[in-house]
Protein backbone atom coordinates (compact mmCIF):
# COMPACT_ATOMS: atom_id res chain seq x y z
CA UNK A 1 -3.60 -10.51 37.44
CA UNK A 2 -3.79 -13.62 36.35
CA UNK A 3 -3.27 -16.86 38.41
CA UNK A 4 0.14 -18.87 38.23
CA UNK A 5 -2.08 -21.69 37.04
CA UNK A 6 -3.19 -19.66 33.90
CA UNK A 7 0.27 -18.28 33.05
CA UNK A 8 1.66 -22.01 33.38
CA UNK A 9 -0.94 -23.55 30.74
CA UNK A 10 -0.87 -21.11 28.35
CA UNK A 11 0.73 -23.37 25.15
CA UNK A 12 -0.48 -20.98 22.32
CA UNK A 13 -0.67 -17.26 21.07
CA UNK A 14 -2.72 -15.78 18.40
CA UNK A 15 -1.73 -12.84 16.38
CA UNK A 16 -4.21 -10.94 14.17
CA UNK A 17 -2.52 -9.03 11.75
CA UNK A 18 -3.82 -6.14 10.41
CA UNK A 19 -3.13 -3.02 12.84
CA UNK A 20 -0.56 -5.31 14.71
CA UNK A 21 2.00 -6.86 12.35
CA UNK A 22 0.96 -4.67 9.48
CA UNK A 23 0.07 -0.83 9.93
CA UNK A 24 -3.43 -0.52 9.06
CA UNK A 25 -4.06 0.60 5.45
CA UNK A 26 -7.48 1.18 4.26
CA UNK A 27 -7.52 5.20 4.98
CA UNK A 28 -5.09 4.68 2.02
CA UNK A 29 -6.73 1.85 0.01
CA UNK A 30 -10.07 3.13 -0.07
CA UNK A 31 -9.02 6.94 -1.63
CA UNK A 32 -6.92 5.26 -4.48
CA UNK A 33 -8.80 2.64 -5.08
CA UNK A 34 -12.22 5.04 -5.57
CA UNK A 35 -9.91 6.96 -7.60
CA UNK A 36 -8.84 4.00 -10.32
CA UNK A 37 -12.45 2.81 -10.21
CA UNK A 38 -14.09 6.19 -10.88
CA UNK A 39 -16.62 6.26 -8.16
CA UNK A 40 -16.93 8.54 -4.79
CA UNK A 41 -15.09 7.01 -1.76
CA UNK A 42 -18.09 6.98 0.59
CA UNK A 43 -19.91 5.17 -2.37
CA UNK A 44 -17.06 2.55 -2.50
CA UNK A 45 -17.10 2.02 1.28
CA UNK A 46 -20.88 1.26 1.65
CA UNK A 47 -20.55 -1.35 -1.08
CA UNK A 48 -17.45 -2.70 0.23
CA UNK A 49 -19.40 -2.74 3.55
CA UNK A 50 -22.45 -4.30 1.98
CA UNK A 51 -20.20 -7.06 0.69
CA UNK A 52 -17.81 -7.57 3.75
CA UNK A 53 -19.03 -10.94 4.81
CA UNK A 54 -19.03 -12.74 1.70
CA UNK A 55 -15.35 -11.13 0.75
CA UNK A 56 -14.31 -12.16 4.30
CA UNK A 57 -15.60 -15.84 3.93
CA UNK A 58 -14.47 -16.22 0.10
CA UNK A 59 -18.00 -16.25 -1.02
CA UNK A 60 -16.75 -13.86 -3.70
CA UNK A 61 -13.77 -12.63 -4.61
CA UNK A 62 -12.02 -9.22 -5.16
CA UNK A 63 -12.49 -9.37 -8.96
CA UNK A 64 -16.40 -10.02 -8.31
CA UNK A 65 -16.63 -7.07 -6.30
CA UNK A 66 -14.77 -4.96 -8.71
CA UNK A 67 -16.44 -6.44 -11.52
CA UNK A 68 -19.86 -5.72 -9.93
CA UNK A 69 -19.06 -1.89 -8.34
CA UNK A 70 -16.99 -1.05 -11.69
CA UNK A 71 -19.80 -1.54 -13.88
CA UNK A 72 -21.70 1.57 -11.90
CA UNK A 73 -18.97 3.80 -12.32
CA UNK A 74 -19.20 6.35 -15.29
CA UNK A 75 -15.77 4.55 -16.99
CA UNK A 76 -16.14 0.67 -16.47
CA UNK A 77 -12.50 -0.54 -14.98
CA UNK A 78 -11.24 -3.58 -16.01
CA UNK A 79 -11.79 -6.24 -12.78
CA UNK A 80 -8.31 -7.56 -13.43
CA UNK A 81 -6.58 -4.70 -13.60
CA UNK A 82 -8.37 -3.15 -10.15
CA UNK A 83 -7.71 -6.39 -8.35
CA UNK A 84 -3.92 -6.16 -9.28
CA UNK A 85 -3.80 -2.07 -8.33
CA UNK A 86 -6.01 -3.15 -5.11
CA UNK A 87 -2.62 -5.62 -4.46
CA UNK A 88 -0.05 -3.37 -5.29
CA UNK A 89 -1.93 -0.49 -2.99
CA UNK A 90 -2.24 -2.82 -0.04
CA UNK A 91 1.80 -4.25 -0.83
CA UNK A 92 3.10 -0.89 -0.80
CA UNK A 93 1.07 0.69 2.63
CA UNK A 94 2.00 -2.51 4.57
CA UNK A 95 5.23 -3.25 3.16
CA UNK A 96 7.23 -2.18 6.44
CA UNK A 97 6.04 -4.49 9.11
CA UNK A 98 6.32 -3.81 12.82
CA UNK A 99 10.00 -5.12 13.98
CA UNK A 100 8.88 -5.57 17.53
CA UNK A 101 5.88 -7.54 16.54
CA UNK A 102 8.20 -9.60 14.70
CA UNK A 103 10.68 -10.01 17.54
CA UNK A 104 7.97 -10.84 19.96
CA UNK A 105 6.82 -13.56 17.97
CA UNK A 106 10.28 -14.89 17.19
CA UNK A 107 10.78 -14.80 20.93
CA UNK A 108 7.54 -16.30 22.02
CA UNK A 109 8.49 -19.50 19.22
CA UNK A 110 12.20 -19.77 20.79
CA UNK A 111 10.45 -20.50 24.30
CA UNK A 112 8.40 -23.16 22.62
CA UNK A 113 5.53 -21.42 22.56
CA UNK A 114 2.69 -22.19 19.28
CA UNK A 115 2.60 -19.01 17.73
CA UNK A 116 -0.37 -18.37 15.08
CA UNK A 117 -2.07 -15.54 13.11
CA UNK A 118 -5.93 -15.50 12.88
CA UNK A 119 -7.24 -12.97 10.08
CA UNK A 120 -9.97 -11.81 8.15
CA UNK A 121 -8.98 -11.33 4.48
CA UNK A 122 -10.25 -11.77 1.24
CA UNK A 123 -9.44 -14.45 -1.77
CA UNK A 124 -6.93 -12.43 -3.36
CA UNK A 125 -5.16 -10.69 -0.62
CA UNK A 126 -4.70 -14.70 1.34
CA UNK A 127 -3.26 -16.12 -1.63
CA UNK A 128 -1.14 -13.08 -1.89
CA UNK A 129 0.14 -13.50 1.26
CA UNK A 130 0.76 -16.84 0.91
CA UNK A 131 2.63 -16.71 -2.03
CA UNK A 132 4.87 -13.46 -0.27
CA UNK A 133 5.27 -15.99 2.99
CA UNK A 134 3.84 -13.26 4.90
CA UNK A 135 2.76 -15.77 7.31
CA UNK A 136 6.24 -17.71 7.34
CA UNK A 137 7.24 -16.40 10.82
CA UNK A 138 3.65 -18.00 12.35
CA UNK A 139 3.45 -21.64 12.89
CA UNK A 140 -0.30 -21.77 11.65
CA UNK A 141 -1.68 -19.50 9.64
CA UNK A 142 -5.91 -19.07 9.69
CA UNK A 143 -7.06 -17.51 6.78
CA UNK A 144 -11.10 -16.43 6.91
CA UNK A 145 -11.44 -17.26 3.40
CA UNK A 146 -9.38 -20.70 3.54
CA UNK A 147 -12.05 -21.39 6.28
CA UNK A 148 -15.14 -20.19 5.32
CA UNK A 149 -15.52 -18.29 8.52
CA UNK A 150 -15.24 -14.75 9.62
CA UNK A 151 -13.83 -12.91 13.16
CA UNK A 152 -15.66 -12.51 15.39
CA UNK A 153 -18.35 -15.68 14.95
CA UNK A 154 -17.67 -18.24 17.42
CA UNK A 155 -16.73 -21.26 14.95
CA UNK A 156 -13.78 -19.67 13.74
CA UNK A 157 -12.17 -19.46 16.68
CA UNK A 158 -13.13 -23.44 17.79
CA UNK A 159 -11.59 -23.95 14.65
CA UNK A 160 -8.47 -22.38 15.50
CA UNK A 161 -8.23 -24.06 18.70
CA UNK A 162 -8.57 -27.96 17.04
CA UNK A 163 -5.80 -27.19 14.47
CA UNK A 164 -3.70 -26.03 17.50
CA UNK A 165 -4.67 -28.72 19.40
CA UNK A 166 -4.99 -26.56 22.00
CA UNK A 167 -8.05 -26.04 24.77
CA UNK A 168 -9.38 -22.24 24.90
CA UNK A 169 -7.40 -21.36 28.31
CA UNK A 170 -4.21 -22.82 26.80
CA UNK A 171 -4.30 -20.21 24.16
CA UNK A 172 -4.37 -16.28 24.01
CA UNK A 173 -5.47 -14.34 21.15
CA UNK A 174 -4.97 -10.49 20.31
CA UNK A 175 -6.66 -8.00 18.18
CA UNK A 176 -6.68 -4.48 17.90
CA UNK A 177 -10.59 -4.72 16.94
CA UNK A 178 -12.45 -5.30 20.41
CA UNK A 179 -15.41 -7.02 18.60
CA UNK A 180 -13.01 -10.01 17.96
CA UNK A 181 -11.37 -9.86 21.16
CA UNK A 182 -15.11 -10.46 22.57
CA UNK A 183 -15.50 -13.14 20.19
CA UNK A 184 -12.42 -15.15 21.68
CA UNK A 185 -13.76 -14.47 25.15
CA UNK A 186 -16.69 -15.69 24.22
CA UNK A 187 -15.12 -19.52 23.72
CA UNK A 188 -13.11 -18.68 27.17
CA UNK A 189 -9.75 -17.98 25.37
CA UNK A 190 -7.71 -15.29 26.87
CA UNK A 191 -8.31 -12.15 24.73
CA UNK A 192 -5.98 -9.12 25.10
CA UNK A 193 -7.06 -5.86 22.99
CA UNK A 194 -3.98 -4.67 21.24
CA UNK A 195 -3.80 -1.11 21.61
CA UNK A 196 0.00 -0.17 21.33
CA UNK A 197 2.91 -2.56 21.67
CA UNK A 198 4.06 -1.88 25.07
CA UNK A 199 0.72 -2.55 26.88
CA UNK A 200 0.06 -5.40 24.77
CA UNK A 201 3.63 -7.28 25.69
CA UNK A 202 3.43 -6.26 29.34
CA UNK A 203 -0.49 -7.80 29.28
CA UNK A 204 0.82 -11.04 27.45
CA UNK A 205 3.93 -11.50 30.31
CA UNK A 206 1.54 -11.69 32.76
CA UNK A 207 -0.03 -14.67 31.04
CA UNK A 208 3.20 -16.45 29.55
CA UNK A 209 5.91 -14.86 31.89
CA UNK A 210 8.94 -13.82 30.23
CA UNK A 211 10.90 -16.33 30.49
CA UNK A 212 9.93 -20.40 29.67
């Protein structure tokens, strides 16, 4: 159980997006994009894994990715059409945000905690989500493509802490991927592995208390 001093020191809570606020969508996106492009799904997943870091850090775009992989398909798909379809599938798969998480975010802000998100994304998806105000419920949104960094690298957590004006032990970070939680813990942040809402909210209450 965290000490009372730790509870009092927490000033900021930082959320991942995918798998927490949004439902996981890869198992919808990859089959549909493989069909659209005309490649086997396994091949598309392999190509995406190869370019994952460059896409996440914004060194390449989804358009450039689909232009490259589409050139290897029997019938070349237009890369702009592929990006548009990618965003449409993504929006449909993630259109319903978890109301429990939204309520918790609103409650934390009401209690004058700073609430931010820190997400690995792609250039076009990040712009799309900015435009549709997905991050509007947060005080700050830190996107990997805008920072040129990625989770779980140490630098991205340090950049978020500087942006929030917090010391590591003043911030809680949660993610559904354990390696990203471990990255936050490595810089001495409080890290909570998100498995389900009930256990997460109970663990978070142990750090920030139920009322402020």
